Amino acid sequence: MALPVFDLHCDALQRSLDMGHDLGGETPGHFDLAKAARGGVRAISLTAWIDGPYADEPGASKRRTNALLDAADDLFERHPDMVRRVDGAAELEALPDGVVGCLLAIEGGHAIEEDLAQLEHYAARGVRVMTLTWNNHLSWARSCQEGAPAGTPEGLSAFGREVVTRMGELGVRADLSHAAERTFYDALECEGPAPLVTHSGCKALSNHPRNVTDDQLRALAARGGVLGIPFATAFLDEEERAAEQAFRRTDAYRDAGRGGATEAHMHHGDAIQAGLGPFPIEHVVRHTLHALEIAGPAHVAIGSDFDGIDRRPAGLEDASGYPALLSALADAGVDDDTVAAVAYGNAARALA
């Protein structure tokens, strides 16, 4: 099915910075502009993912974030006829045919290092989405993971609410993937535009801490937000996740981990994909259908997490495969208008 696609979460900037991959051409990873053209991508949110350990060294998160944003700027300068940064829906709609609109994002609120001026700096650099937490807890926001140190707020602290409010003033959307449930609800109460949940599945179908409950889906929809359905095994099916965890204990997986962290992650993912094979695309369809039923057809989108995941679904091994998902949704009985909204319209509207 040929429809324009807006993917709300992709981590390909890591490969660009750490491995020198030019995302304007064909690369070994999940997303690049060559694959995007085959997949019908009209817009992509490229995310500066800041791994948790960077939070342990003062200044490291800022340096890493700026370096990843530099990699994005370099991509825009190299390929202005293929990709351009956009701030919102109006700029996206004004792009010439064949040019992909890129929304810049940050994954991990530790990137601001508890400094609102740093948040303002990122906004000035074009960042329009920030995930409040990654899997690490912050002094001002609890993540969905266990093991929070003493003194971590149950949700957002007073400073955390100030961060979310300031984000709204700056035109930076709050992304609530990775957030604790209390953090999620606290953020919904803050003034400003509706938050996003860019890459989380449905907890009713797979009991993973990264997924959201039906009550969260209803609250997100009532606030006008959008859920991006991810392609990650771990979030979509508990049996598939267990199989992947078992494979991680094999020699084939361990032997694949060569190079730096980003390269090792890519090779580990390829090893899992080769060793276990892709998992059924029906898992992605099930989560999409459930979210449509609970949140409604105006509040579900795509958030692949490409280049941040290991094993991928059959037909969705890389960014050329989005049409396979759209066809699978149509085959499952989703009407044409809703398929188009999930593919592109809902994400674009959320930025208006």
C-alpha atoms as a PDB file:
ATOM      1  CA  MET A   1       0.000   0.000   0.000  1.00  0.00           C
ATOM      2  CA  ALA A   2       1.590   3.288  -1.142  1.00  0.00           C
ATOM      3  CA  LEU A   3       0.928   6.044   1.413  1.00  0.00           C
ATOM      4  CA  PRO A   4       3.143   8.747   2.914  1.00  0.00           C
ATOM      5  CA  VAL A   5       4.687   7.695   6.218  1.00  0.00           C
ATOM      6  CA  PHE A   6       5.669   9.677   9.319  1.00  0.00           C
ATOM      7  CA  ASP A   7       7.814   7.674  11.761  1.00  0.00           C
ATOM      8  CA  LEU A   8       7.943   9.313  15.198  1.00  0.00           C
ATOM      9  CA  HIS A   9      11.150   7.679  16.465  1.00  0.00           C
ATOM     10  CA  CYS A  10      14.405   6.586  14.811  1.00  0.00           C
ATOM     11  CA  ASP A  11      17.914   6.344  16.321  1.00  0.00           C
ATOM     12  CA  ALA A  12      19.985   6.389  13.120  1.00  0.00           C
ATOM     13  CA  LEU A  13      21.989   9.478  14.158  1.00  0.00           C
ATOM     14  CA  GLN A  14      24.077   7.195  16.380  1.00  0.00           C
ATOM     15  CA  ARG A  15      25.449   5.395  13.329  1.00  0.00           C
ATOM     16  CA  SER A  16      26.045   8.658  11.520  1.00  0.00           C
ATOM     17  CA  LEU A  17      28.141  10.044  14.375  1.00  0.00           C
ATOM     18  CA  ASP A  18      29.876   6.925  15.668  1.00  0.00           C
ATOM     19  CA  MET A  19      30.337   4.919  12.470  1.00  0.00           C
ATOM     20  CA  GLY A  20      30.479   7.622   9.818  1.00  0.00           C
ATOM     21  CA  HIS A  21      27.435   6.330   7.947  1.00  0.00           C
ATOM     22  CA  ASP A  22      26.051   8.838   5.461  1.00  0.00           C
ATOM     23  CA  LEU A  23      22.299   8.483   5.889  1.00  0.00           C
ATOM     24  CA  GLY A  24      21.804  10.066   2.481  1.00  0.00           C
ATOM     25  CA  GLY A  25      22.793   6.801   0.789  1.00  0.00           C
ATOM     26  CA  GLU A  26      22.438   3.074   1.332  1.00  0.00           C
ATOM     27  CA  THR A  27      23.843   1.995   4.724  1.00  0.00           C
ATOM     28  CA  PRO A  28      23.936  -1.280   6.698  1.00  0.00           C
ATOM     29  CA  GLY A  29      21.461   0.022   9.286  1.00  0.00           C
ATOM     30  CA  HIS A  30      17.694   0.120   9.506  1.00  0.00           C
ATOM     31  CA  PHE A  31      17.095   3.682   8.305  1.00  0.00           C
ATOM     32  CA  ASP A  32      18.649   5.814   5.597  1.00  0.00           C
ATOM     33  CA  LEU A  33      17.171   8.030   2.922  1.00  0.00           C
ATOM     34  CA  ALA A  34      17.561   5.410   0.201  1.00  0.00           C
ATOM     35  CA  LYS A  35      15.465   2.923   2.189  1.00  0.00           C
ATOM     36  CA  ALA A  36      13.090   5.724   3.199  1.00  0.00           C
ATOM     37  CA  ALA A  37      12.390   6.543  -0.454  1.00  0.00           C
ATOM     38  CA  ARG A  38      11.433   2.922  -1.109  1.00  0.00           C
ATOM     39  CA  GLY A  39       9.257   2.895   2.011  1.00  0.00           C
ATOM     40  CA  GLY A  40       7.304   6.044   1.227  1.00  0.00           C
ATOM     41  CA  VAL A  41       8.694   8.079   4.119  1.00  0.00           C
ATOM     42  CA  ARG A  42       7.546  11.687   4.052  1.00  0.00           C
ATOM     43  CA  ALA A  43       8.681  12.585   7.577  1.00  0.00           C
ATOM     44  CA  ILE A  44      10.982  11.103  10.223  1.00  0.00           C
ATOM     45  CA  SER A  45      11.872  12.064  13.758  1.00  0.00           C
ATOM     46  CA  LEU A  46      15.624  11.546  14.071  1.00  0.00           C
ATOM     47  CA  THR A  47      16.497  11.234  17.726  1.00  0.00           C
ATOM     48  CA  ALA A  48      19.649  12.137  19.612  1.00  0.00           C
ATOM     49  CA  TRP A  49      19.595   9.191  22.011  1.00  0.00           C
ATOM     50  CA  ILE A  50      21.737   9.897  25.054  1.00  0.00           C
ATOM     51  CA  ASP A  51      22.636   6.613  26.731  1.00  0.00           C
ATOM     52  CA  GLY A  52      22.233   6.617  30.506  1.00  0.00           C
ATOM     53  CA  PRO A  53      25.951   6.385  31.401  1.00  0.00           C
ATOM     54  CA  TYR A  54      26.524   9.839  29.914  1.00  0.00           C
ATOM     55  CA  ALA A  55      24.551  11.170  32.880  1.00  0.00           C
ATOM     56  CA  ASP A  56      27.312  10.042  35.264  1.00  0.00           C
ATOM     57  CA  GLU A  57      29.878  12.602  34.059  1.00  0.00           C
ATOM     58  CA  PRO A  58      29.129  16.335  34.300  1.00  0.00           C
ATOM     59  CA  GLY A  59      28.981  17.846  30.828  1.00  0.00           C
ATOM     60  CA  ALA A  60      29.022  14.485  29.013  1.00  0.00           C
ATOM     61  CA  SER A  61      25.307  14.463  28.206  1.00  0.00           C
ATOM     62  CA  LYS A  62      25.499  17.980  26.756  1.00  0.00           C
ATOM     63  CA  ARG A  63      28.530  17.112  24.627  1.00  0.00           C
ATOM     64  CA  ARG A  64      26.955  13.914  23.309  1.00  0.00           C
ATOM     65  CA  THR A  65      23.663  15.637  22.501  1.00  0.00           C
ATOM     66  CA  ASN A  66      25.321  18.474  20.634  1.00  0.00           C
ATOM     67  CA  ALA A  67      27.539  16.057  18.699  1.00  0.00           C
ATOM     68  CA  LEU A  68      24.464  14.097  17.549  1.00  0.00           C
ATOM     69  CA  LEU A  69      22.692  17.306  16.565  1.00  0.00           C
ATOM     70  CA  ASP A  70      25.840  18.271  14.639  1.00  0.00           C
ATOM     71  CA  ALA A  71      25.522  14.966  12.766  1.00  0.00           C
ATOM     72  CA  ALA A  72      21.953  15.889  11.849  1.00  0.00           C
ATOM     73  CA  ASP A  73      23.041  19.328  10.631  1.00  0.00           C
ATOM     74  CA  ASP A  74      25.724  17.677   8.518  1.00  0.00           C
ATOM     75  CA  LEU A  75      23.079  15.413   6.950  1.00  0.00           C
ATOM     76  CA  PHE A  76      20.931  18.434   6.070  1.00  0.00           C
ATOM     77  CA  GLU A  77      23.908  20.259   4.545  1.00  0.00           C
ATOM     78  CA  ARG A  78      25.020  17.237   2.495  1.00  0.00           C
ATOM     79  CA  HIS A  79      21.590  16.368   1.119  1.00  0.00           C
ATOM     80  CA  PRO A  80      19.290  19.421   0.998  1.00  0.00           C
ATOM     81  CA  ASP A  81      17.502  17.926  -1.990  1.00  0.00           C
ATOM     82  CA  MET A  82      16.646  14.806   0.051  1.00  0.00           C
ATOM     83  CA  VAL A  83      16.005  15.903   3.641  1.00  0.00           C
ATOM     84  CA  ARG A  84      15.315  19.139   5.523  1.00  0.00           C
ATOM     85  CA  ARG A  85      14.660  19.991   9.141  1.00  0.00           C
ATOM     86  CA  VAL A  86      11.092  20.988   9.924  1.00  0.00           C
ATOM     87  CA  ASP A  87       9.638  22.612  13.023  1.00  0.00           C
ATOM     88  CA  GLY A  88       6.027  21.581  12.541  1.00  0.00           C
ATOM     89  CA  ALA A  89       3.226  20.531  10.261  1.00  0.00           C
ATOM     90  CA  ALA A  90       3.117  23.729   8.166  1.00  0.00           C
ATOM     91  CA  GLU A  91       6.770  23.414   7.122  1.00  0.00           C
ATOM     92  CA  LEU A  92       6.273  19.716   6.501  1.00  0.00           C
ATOM     93  CA  GLU A  93       3.386  20.289   4.135  1.00  0.00           C
ATOM     94  CA  ALA A  94       5.362  22.951   2.249  1.00  0.00           C
ATOM     95  CA  LEU A  95       8.237  20.594   1.383  1.00  0.00           C
ATOM     96  CA  PRO A  96       8.774  19.717  -2.285  1.00  0.00           C
ATOM     97  CA  ASP A  97       7.873  16.220  -3.401  1.00  0.00           C
ATOM     98  CA  GLY A  98      10.628  13.758  -2.703  1.00  0.00           C
ATOM     99  CA  VAL A  99      12.119  15.701   0.217  1.00  0.00           C
ATOM    100  CA  VAL A 100      11.822  14.095   3.652  1.00  0.00           C
ATOM    101  CA  GLY A 101      10.954  16.354   6.562  1.00  0.00           C
ATOM    102  CA  CYS A 102      13.047  15.706   9.653  1.00  0.00           C
ATOM    103  CA  LEU A 103      11.846  16.519  13.140  1.00  0.00           C
ATOM    104  CA  LEU A 104      14.757  16.605  15.591  1.00  0.00           C
ATOM    105  CA  ALA A 105      14.323  14.949  18.961  1.00  0.00           C
ATOM    106  CA  ILE A 106      16.286  14.126  22.107  1.00  0.00           C
ATOM    107  CA  GLU A 107      15.840  10.857  24.010  1.00  0.00           C
ATOM    108  CA  GLY A 108      16.658  11.360  27.665  1.00  0.00           C
ATOM    109  CA  GLY A 109      16.005  14.466  29.729  1.00  0.00           C
ATOM    110  CA  HIS A 110      19.411  14.104  31.373  1.00  0.00           C
ATOM    111  CA  ALA A 111      20.615  15.838  28.189  1.00  0.00           C
ATOM    112  CA  ILE A 112      19.712  19.185  29.771  1.00  0.00           C
ATOM    113  CA  GLU A 113      21.719  18.405  32.940  1.00  0.00           C
ATOM    114  CA  GLU A 114      19.103  20.103  35.140  1.00  0.00           C
ATOM    115  CA  ASP A 115      19.568  23.403  33.304  1.00  0.00           C
ATOM    116  CA  LEU A 116      16.651  25.181  31.626  1.00  0.00           C
ATOM    117  CA  ALA A 117      19.121  27.310  29.679  1.00  0.00           C
ATOM    118  CA  GLN A 118      20.413  24.115  28.074  1.00  0.00           C
ATOM    119  CA  LEU A 119      16.859  23.182  27.122  1.00  0.00           C
ATOM    120  CA  GLU A 120      16.538  26.590  25.484  1.00  0.00           C
ATOM    121  CA  HIS A 121      19.825  25.962  23.640  1.00  0.00           C
ATOM    122  CA  TYR A 122      18.496  22.692  22.182  1.00  0.00           C
ATOM    123  CA  ALA A 123      15.249  24.358  21.165  1.00  0.00           C
ATOM    124  CA  ALA A 124      17.271  27.028  19.360  1.00  0.00           C
ATOM    125  CA  ARG A 125      19.126  24.235  17.550  1.00  0.00           C
ATOM    126  CA  GLY A 126      15.810  22.933  16.221  1.00  0.00           C
ATOM    127  CA  VAL A 127      14.881  20.212  18.703  1.00  0.00           C
ATOM    128  CA  ARG A 128      11.096  19.822  18.769  1.00  0.00           C
ATOM    129  CA  VAL A 129      10.601  16.669  20.884  1.00  0.00           C
ATOM    130  CA  MET A 130      12.309  15.486  24.076  1.00  0.00           C
ATOM    131  CA  THR A 131      11.738  12.203  25.886  1.00  0.00           C
ATOM    132  CA  LEU A 132      11.580  13.159  29.570  1.00  0.00           C
ATOM    133  CA  THR A 133      13.461  10.060  30.691  1.00  0.00           C
ATOM    134  CA  TRP A 134      15.294   7.188  29.126  1.00  0.00           C
ATOM    135  CA  ASN A 135      15.652   4.036  31.279  1.00  0.00           C
ATOM    136  CA  ASN A 136      17.566   5.979  33.927  1.00  0.00           C
ATOM    137  CA  HIS A 137      15.900   7.935  36.717  1.00  0.00           C
ATOM    138  CA  LEU A 138      16.431  11.671  37.051  1.00  0.00           C
ATOM    139  CA  SER A 139      16.343  13.922  40.089  1.00  0.00           C
ATOM    140  CA  TRP A 140      13.241  15.502  38.552  1.00  0.00           C
ATOM    141  CA  ALA A 141      11.527  12.567  36.799  1.00  0.00           C
ATOM    142  CA  ARG A 142      11.131   8.849  37.459  1.00  0.00           C
ATOM    143  CA  SER A 143      11.497   6.405  34.569  1.00  0.00           C
ATOM    144  CA  CYS A 144       9.475   3.225  34.062  1.00  0.00           C
ATOM    145  CA  GLN A 145      12.344   1.044  35.289  1.00  0.00           C
ATOM    146  CA  GLU A 146      12.823  -0.317  38.809  1.00  0.00           C
ATOM    147  CA  GLY A 147      15.714   0.554  41.088  1.00  0.00           C
ATOM    148  CA  ALA A 148      15.147   4.261  41.545  1.00  0.00           C
ATOM    149  CA  PRO A 149      17.608   5.711  44.093  1.00  0.00           C
ATOM    150  CA  ALA A 150      16.377   7.291  47.289  1.00  0.00           C
ATOM    151  CA  GLY A 151      14.997  10.754  46.751  1.00  0.00           C
ATOM    152  CA  THR A 152      13.682  10.093  43.234  1.00  0.00           C
ATOM    153  CA  PRO A 153      10.218  11.616  42.871  1.00  0.00           C
ATOM    154  CA  GLU A 154       7.306   9.275  42.215  1.00  0.00           C
ATOM    155  CA  GLY A 155       6.616  11.236  39.041  1.00  0.00           C
ATOM    156  CA  LEU A 156       7.687  14.782  38.207  1.00  0.00           C
ATOM    157  CA  SER A 157       9.219  17.036  40.840  1.00  0.00           C
ATOM    158  CA  ALA A 158       8.386  20.736  40.934  1.00  0.00           C
ATOM    159  CA  PHE A 159      11.418  21.319  38.695  1.00  0.00           C
ATOM    160  CA  GLY A 160      10.217  18.538  36.394  1.00  0.00           C
ATOM    161  CA  ARG A 161       6.886  20.275  35.950  1.00  0.00           C
ATOM    162  CA  GLU A 162       8.810  23.472  35.222  1.00  0.00           C
ATOM    163  CA  VAL A 163      10.802  21.614  32.550  1.00  0.00           C
ATOM    164  CA  VAL A 164       7.654  20.326  30.834  1.00  0.00           C
ATOM    165  CA  THR A 165       5.979  23.731  30.971  1.00  0.00           C
ATOM    166  CA  ARG A 166       9.060  25.443  29.553  1.00  0.00           C
ATOM    167  CA  MET A 167       9.256  22.842  26.808  1.00  0.00           C
ATOM    168  CA  GLY A 168       5.745  23.773  25.752  1.00  0.00           C
ATOM    169  CA  GLU A 169       6.652  27.449  25.687  1.00  0.00           C
ATOM    170  CA  LEU A 170       9.632  26.668  23.469  1.00  0.00           C
ATOM    171  CA  GLY A 171       7.653  24.497  21.065  1.00  0.00           C
ATOM    172  CA  VAL A 172       9.291  21.252  22.271  1.00  0.00           C
ATOM    173  CA  ARG A 173       6.849  18.359  22.713  1.00  0.00           C
ATOM    174  CA  ALA A 174       7.182  16.118  25.762  1.00  0.00           C
ATOM    175  CA  ASP A 175       7.645  12.461  24.819  1.00  0.00           C
ATOM    176  CA  LEU A 176       6.412  10.128  27.580  1.00  0.00           C
ATOM    177  CA  SER A 177       7.905   6.861  26.338  1.00  0.00           C
ATOM    178  CA  HIS A 178      10.150   5.431  29.089  1.00  0.00           C
ATOM    179  CA  ALA A 179       8.305   7.485  31.748  1.00  0.00           C
ATOM    180  CA  ALA A 180       6.930   6.020  34.971  1.00  0.00           C
ATOM    181  CA  GLU A 181       3.154   5.950  35.164  1.00  0.00           C
ATOM    182  CA  ARG A 182       3.077   8.799  37.698  1.00  0.00           C
ATOM    183  CA  THR A 183       5.466  10.826  35.509  1.00  0.00           C
ATOM    184  CA  PHE A 184       3.133  10.194  32.578  1.00  0.00           C
ATOM    185  CA  TYR A 185       0.078  11.558  34.383  1.00  0.00           C
ATOM    186  CA  ASP A 186       1.978  14.474  35.911  1.00  0.00           C
ATOM    187  CA  ALA A 187       3.145  15.527  32.440  1.00  0.00           C
ATOM    188  CA  LEU A 188      -0.411  15.370  31.089  1.00  0.00           C
ATOM    189  CA  GLU A 189      -1.403  17.889  33.774  1.00  0.00           C
ATOM    190  CA  CYS A 190       1.228  20.436  32.726  1.00  0.00           C
ATOM    191  CA  GLU A 191       0.269  23.365  30.545  1.00  0.00           C
ATOM    192  CA  GLY A 192       1.262  23.306  26.898  1.00  0.00           C
ATOM    193  CA  PRO A 193       0.699  21.191  23.800  1.00  0.00           C
ATOM    194  CA  ALA A 194      -0.357  17.572  24.073  1.00  0.00           C
ATOM    195  CA  PRO A 195       2.509  15.181  24.875  1.00  0.00           C
ATOM    196  CA  LEU A 196       3.474  12.312  22.599  1.00  0.00           C
ATOM    197  CA  VAL A 197       4.323   8.694  23.389  1.00  0.00           C
ATOM    198  CA  THR A 198       6.571   8.083  20.417  1.00  0.00           C
ATOM    199  CA  HIS A 199       7.568   4.424  20.783  1.00  0.00           C
ATOM    200  CA  SER A 200       5.642   2.320  23.305  1.00  0.00           C
ATOM    201  CA  GLY A 201       3.355  -0.675  22.970  1.00  0.00           C
ATOM    202  CA  CYS A 202       0.170  -1.714  24.758  1.00  0.00           C
ATOM    203  CA  LYS A 203       0.582  -3.258  28.202  1.00  0.00           C
ATOM    204  CA  ALA A 204      -2.723  -5.117  27.852  1.00  0.00           C
ATOM    205  CA  LEU A 205      -1.036  -7.263  25.181  1.00  0.00           C
ATOM    206  CA  SER A 206       2.523  -7.465  26.523  1.00  0.00           C
ATOM    207  CA  ASN A 207       3.374  -6.749  30.147  1.00  0.00           C
ATOM    208  CA  HIS A 208       6.549  -4.755  29.660  1.00  0.00           C
ATOM    209  CA  PRO A 209       7.398  -1.706  31.812  1.00  0.00           C
ATOM    210  CA  ARG A 210       7.898   0.345  28.643  1.00  0.00           C
ATOM    211  CA  ASN A 211       4.321  -0.185  27.527  1.00  0.00           C
ATOM    212  CA  VAL A 212       1.266   1.878  28.462  1.00  0.00           C
ATOM    213  CA  THR A 213      -1.963   0.750  30.072  1.00  0.00           C
ATOM    214  CA  ASP A 214      -5.419   1.179  28.592  1.00  0.00           C
ATOM    215  CA  ASP A 215      -6.124   3.927  31.126  1.00  0.00           C
ATOM    216  CA  GLN A 216      -2.985   5.741  29.968  1.00  0.00           C
ATOM    217  CA  LEU A 217      -4.111   5.382  26.355  1.00  0.00           C
ATOM    218  CA  ARG A 218      -7.484   6.906  27.183  1.00  0.00           C
ATOM    219  CA  ALA A 219      -5.860   9.766  29.103  1.00  0.00           C
ATOM    220  CA  LEU A 220      -3.415  10.439  26.268  1.00  0.00           C
ATOM    221  CA  ALA A 221      -6.257  10.559  23.744  1.00  0.00           C
ATOM    222  CA  ALA A 222      -8.328  12.849  25.970  1.00  0.00           C
ATOM    223  CA  ARG A 223      -5.360  15.229  26.081  1.00  0.00           C
ATOM    224  CA  GLY A 224      -5.029  15.100  22.277  1.00  0.00           C
ATOM    225  CA  GLY A 225      -1.790  13.097  22.204  1.00  0.00           C
ATOM    226  CA  VAL A 226      -0.578  10.326  19.907  1.00  0.00           C
ATOM    227  CA  LEU A 227       0.961   6.888  20.546  1.00  0.00           C
ATOM    228  CA  GLY A 228       3.655   5.645  18.145  1.00  0.00           C
ATOM    229  CA  ILE A 229       3.604   1.841  17.840  1.00  0.00           C
ATOM    230  CA  PRO A 230       7.164   0.421  17.966  1.00  0.00           C
ATOM    231  CA  PHE A 231       8.625  -2.539  16.085  1.00  0.00           C
ATOM    232  CA  ALA A 232      10.694  -3.915  19.005  1.00  0.00           C
ATOM    233  CA  THR A 233      10.292  -7.566  20.010  1.00  0.00           C
ATOM    234  CA  ALA A 234      10.615  -6.775  23.707  1.00  0.00           C
ATOM    235  CA  PHE A 235       7.594  -4.494  23.745  1.00  0.00           C
ATOM    236  CA  LEU A 236       5.303  -6.497  21.478  1.00  0.00           C
ATOM    237  CA  ASP A 237       5.287 -10.096  22.716  1.00  0.00           C
ATOM    238  CA  GLU A 238       6.497 -11.783  25.888  1.00  0.00           C
ATOM    239  CA  GLU A 239       7.344 -15.127  24.266  1.00  0.00           C
ATOM    240  CA  GLU A 240       9.309 -13.449  21.488  1.00  0.00           C
ATOM    241  CA  ARG A 241      11.117 -11.377  24.125  1.00  0.00           C
ATOM    242  CA  ALA A 242      12.040 -14.524  26.068  1.00  0.00           C
ATOM    243  CA  ALA A 243      13.444 -16.139  22.911  1.00  0.00           C
ATOM    244  CA  GLU A 244      15.538 -13.046  22.246  1.00  0.00           C
ATOM    245  CA  GLN A 245      16.832 -12.992  25.818  1.00  0.00           C
ATOM    246  CA  ALA A 246      17.839 -16.639  25.503  1.00  0.00           C
ATOM    247  CA  PHE A 247      19.698 -15.923  22.261  1.00  0.00           C
ATOM    248  CA  ARG A 248      21.673 -13.201  24.022  1.00  0.00           C
ATOM    249  CA  ARG A 249      23.323 -15.948  26.086  1.00  0.00           C
ATOM    250  CA  THR A 250      24.671 -17.778  23.014  1.00  0.00           C
ATOM    251  CA  ASP A 251      28.190 -17.643  21.562  1.00  0.00           C
ATOM    252  CA  ALA A 252      26.767 -16.384  18.263  1.00  0.00           C
ATOM    253  CA  TYR A 253      25.456 -13.294  20.031  1.00  0.00           C
ATOM    254  CA  ARG A 254      28.546 -12.683  22.151  1.00  0.00           C
ATOM    255  CA  ASP A 255      30.925 -13.140  19.222  1.00  0.00           C
ATOM    256  CA  ALA A 256      29.038 -10.531  17.181  1.00  0.00           C
ATOM    257  CA  GLY A 257      29.735  -7.678  19.601  1.00  0.00           C
ATOM    258  CA  ARG A 258      32.748  -6.136  17.925  1.00  0.00           C
ATOM    259  CA  GLY A 259      33.661  -2.479  17.619  1.00  0.00           C
ATOM    260  CA  GLY A 260      32.419   0.447  19.662  1.00  0.00           C
ATOM    261  CA  ALA A 261      29.059   0.541  21.420  1.00  0.00           C
ATOM    262  CA  THR A 262      27.030   1.629  18.389  1.00  0.00           C
ATOM    263  CA  GLU A 263      28.715  -0.805  16.006  1.00  0.00           C
ATOM    264  CA  ALA A 264      28.399  -3.652  18.521  1.00  0.00           C
ATOM    265  CA  HIS A 265      24.707  -2.887  18.920  1.00  0.00           C
ATOM    266  CA  MET A 266      24.198  -3.070  15.154  1.00  0.00           C
ATOM    267  CA  HIS A 267      26.080  -6.362  14.850  1.00  0.00           C
ATOM    268  CA  HIS A 268      24.258  -7.846  17.844  1.00  0.00           C
ATOM    269  CA  GLY A 269      20.952  -6.969  16.219  1.00  0.00           C
ATOM    270  CA  ASP A 270      22.006  -8.573  12.955  1.00  0.00           C
ATOM    271  CA  ALA A 271      23.050 -11.711  14.855  1.00  0.00           C
ATOM    272  CA  ILE A 272      19.651 -11.964  16.565  1.00  0.00           C
ATOM    273  CA  GLN A 273      17.851 -11.329  13.281  1.00  0.00           C
ATOM    274  CA  ALA A 274      19.881 -14.065  11.570  1.00  0.00           C
ATOM    275  CA  GLY A 275      19.734 -16.501  14.482  1.00  0.00           C
ATOM    276  CA  LEU A 276      16.032 -16.263  15.262  1.00  0.00           C
ATOM    277  CA  GLY A 277      14.639 -14.839  12.059  1.00  0.00           C
ATOM    278  CA  PRO A 278      12.182 -11.937  11.925  1.00  0.00           C
ATOM    279  CA  PHE A 279       9.116 -12.197  14.157  1.00  0.00           C
ATOM    280  CA  PRO A 280       5.606 -12.024  12.689  1.00  0.00           C
ATOM    281  CA  ILE A 281       4.342  -8.619  11.600  1.00  0.00           C
ATOM    282  CA  GLU A 282       1.034  -9.589  13.207  1.00  0.00           C
ATOM    283  CA  HIS A 283       2.486  -8.525  16.582  1.00  0.00           C
ATOM    284  CA  VAL A 284       2.748  -4.940  15.324  1.00  0.00           C
ATOM    285  CA  VAL A 285      -0.737  -5.184  13.847  1.00  0.00           C
ATOM    286  CA  ARG A 286      -2.220  -6.465  17.141  1.00  0.00           C
ATOM    287  CA  HIS A 287      -0.813  -3.537  19.123  1.00  0.00           C
ATOM    288  CA  THR A 288      -1.979  -1.080  16.488  1.00  0.00           C
ATOM    289  CA  LEU A 289      -5.500  -2.524  16.480  1.00  0.00           C
ATOM    290  CA  HIS A 290      -5.669  -2.462  20.277  1.00  0.00           C
ATOM    291  CA  ALA A 291      -4.501   1.141  20.449  1.00  0.00           C
ATOM    292  CA  LEU A 292      -7.040   2.114  17.785  1.00  0.00           C
ATOM    293  CA  GLU A 293      -9.811   0.470  19.797  1.00  0.00           C
ATOM    294  CA  ILE A 294      -8.854   2.071  23.126  1.00  0.00           C
ATOM    295  CA  ALA A 295      -7.458   5.484  22.131  1.00  0.00           C
ATOM    296  CA  GLY A 296      -9.365   5.970  18.895  1.00  0.00           C
ATOM    297  CA  PRO A 297      -8.318   6.328  15.248  1.00  0.00           C
ATOM    298  CA  ALA A 298      -6.985   9.884  15.680  1.00  0.00           C
ATOM    299  CA  HIS A 299      -4.392   8.944  18.319  1.00  0.00           C
ATOM    300  CA  VAL A 300      -2.254   6.122  16.864  1.00  0.00           C
ATOM    301  CA  ALA A 301       0.869   6.465  14.714  1.00  0.00           C
ATOM    302  CA  ILE A 302       4.151   4.710  13.893  1.00  0.00           C
ATOM    303  CA  GLY A 303       7.220   4.873  16.138  1.00  0.00           C
ATOM    304  CA  SER A 304       9.490   2.141  14.809  1.00  0.00           C
ATOM    305  CA  ASP A 305      12.563   2.754  17.023  1.00  0.00           C
ATOM    306  CA  PHE A 306      14.664   1.714  14.005  1.00  0.00           C
ATOM    307  CA  ASP A 307      18.400   1.542  14.753  1.00  0.00           C
ATOM    308  CA  GLY A 308      17.543   1.377  18.440  1.00  0.00           C
ATOM    309  CA  ILE A 309      16.121  -2.160  18.311  1.00  0.00           C
ATOM    310  CA  ASP A 310      17.594  -5.557  17.565  1.00  0.00           C
ATOM    311  CA  ARG A 311      15.201  -8.037  15.974  1.00  0.00           C
ATOM    312  CA  ARG A 312      12.666  -6.650  13.505  1.00  0.00           C
ATOM    313  CA  PRO A 313       9.317  -7.907  12.194  1.00  0.00           C
ATOM    314  CA  ALA A 314       8.935  -9.812   8.937  1.00  0.00           C
ATOM    315  CA  GLY A 315       8.582  -7.249   6.161  1.00  0.00           C
ATOM    316  CA  LEU A 316       9.712  -4.445   8.476  1.00  0.00           C
ATOM    317  CA  GLU A 317      13.396  -5.286   8.608  1.00  0.00           C
ATOM    318  CA  ASP A 318      14.247  -1.710   7.594  1.00  0.00           C
ATOM    319  CA  ALA A 319      12.657   1.553   6.491  1.00  0.00           C
ATOM    320  CA  SER A 320      11.764   0.223   3.047  1.00  0.00           C
ATOM    321  CA  GLY A 321       9.104  -1.977   4.625  1.00  0.00           C
ATOM    322  CA  TYR A 322       6.437   0.431   5.886  1.00  0.00           C
ATOM    323  CA  PRO A 323       4.059  -0.479   3.017  1.00  0.00           C
ATOM    324  CA  ALA A 324       4.001  -4.057   4.343  1.00  0.00           C
ATOM    325  CA  LEU A 325       2.625  -2.813   7.654  1.00  0.00           C
ATOM    326  CA  LEU A 326       0.010  -0.617   6.000  1.00  0.00           C
ATOM    327  CA  SER A 327      -1.130  -3.520   3.828  1.00  0.00           C
ATOM    328  CA  ALA A 328      -1.299  -5.787   6.878  1.00  0.00           C
ATOM    329  CA  LEU A 329      -3.494  -3.238   8.664  1.00  0.00           C
ATOM    330  CA  ALA A 330      -5.794  -3.040   5.646  1.00  0.00           C
ATOM    331  CA  ASP A 331      -5.954  -6.843   5.510  1.00  0.00           C
ATOM    332  CA  ALA A 332      -6.931  -6.810   9.200  1.00  0.00           C
ATOM    333  CA  GLY A 333      -9.964  -4.694   8.361  1.00  0.00           C
ATOM    334  CA  VAL A 334      -8.702  -1.179   9.110  1.00  0.00           C
ATOM    335  CA  ASP A 335     -10.427   1.276   6.766  1.00  0.00           C
ATOM    336  CA  ASP A 336      -8.434   3.351   4.277  1.00  0.00           C
ATOM    337  CA  ASP A 337      -8.831   6.660   6.129  1.00  0.00           C
ATOM    338  CA  THR A 338      -7.590   5.164   9.392  1.00  0.00           C
ATOM    339  CA  VAL A 339      -4.622   3.458   7.724  1.00  0.00           C
ATOM    340  CA  ALA A 340      -3.644   6.820   6.199  1.00  0.00           C
ATOM    341  CA  ALA A 341      -4.039   8.513   9.589  1.00  0.00           C
ATOM    342  CA  VAL A 342      -1.820   5.938  11.320  1.00  0.00           C
ATOM    343  CA  ALA A 343       0.767   6.130   8.552  1.00  0.00           C
ATOM    344  CA  TYR A 344       1.080   9.905   8.471  1.00  0.00           C
ATOM    345  CA  GLY A 345      -1.918  12.054   9.330  1.00  0.00           C
ATOM    346  CA  ASN A 346      -2.059  11.624  13.105  1.00  0.00           C
ATOM    347  CA  ALA A 347       1.642  12.357  13.650  1.00  0.00           C
ATOM    348  CA  ALA A 348       1.496  15.390  11.363  1.00  0.00           C
ATOM    349  CA  ARG A 349      -1.624  16.711  13.075  1.00  0.00           C
ATOM    350  CA  ALA A 350      -0.043  16.303  16.505  1.00  0.00           C
ATOM    351  CA  LEU A 351       2.636  18.812  15.470  1.00  0.00           C
ATOM    352  CA  ALA A 352       0.219  21.423  14.180  1.00  0.00           C
END
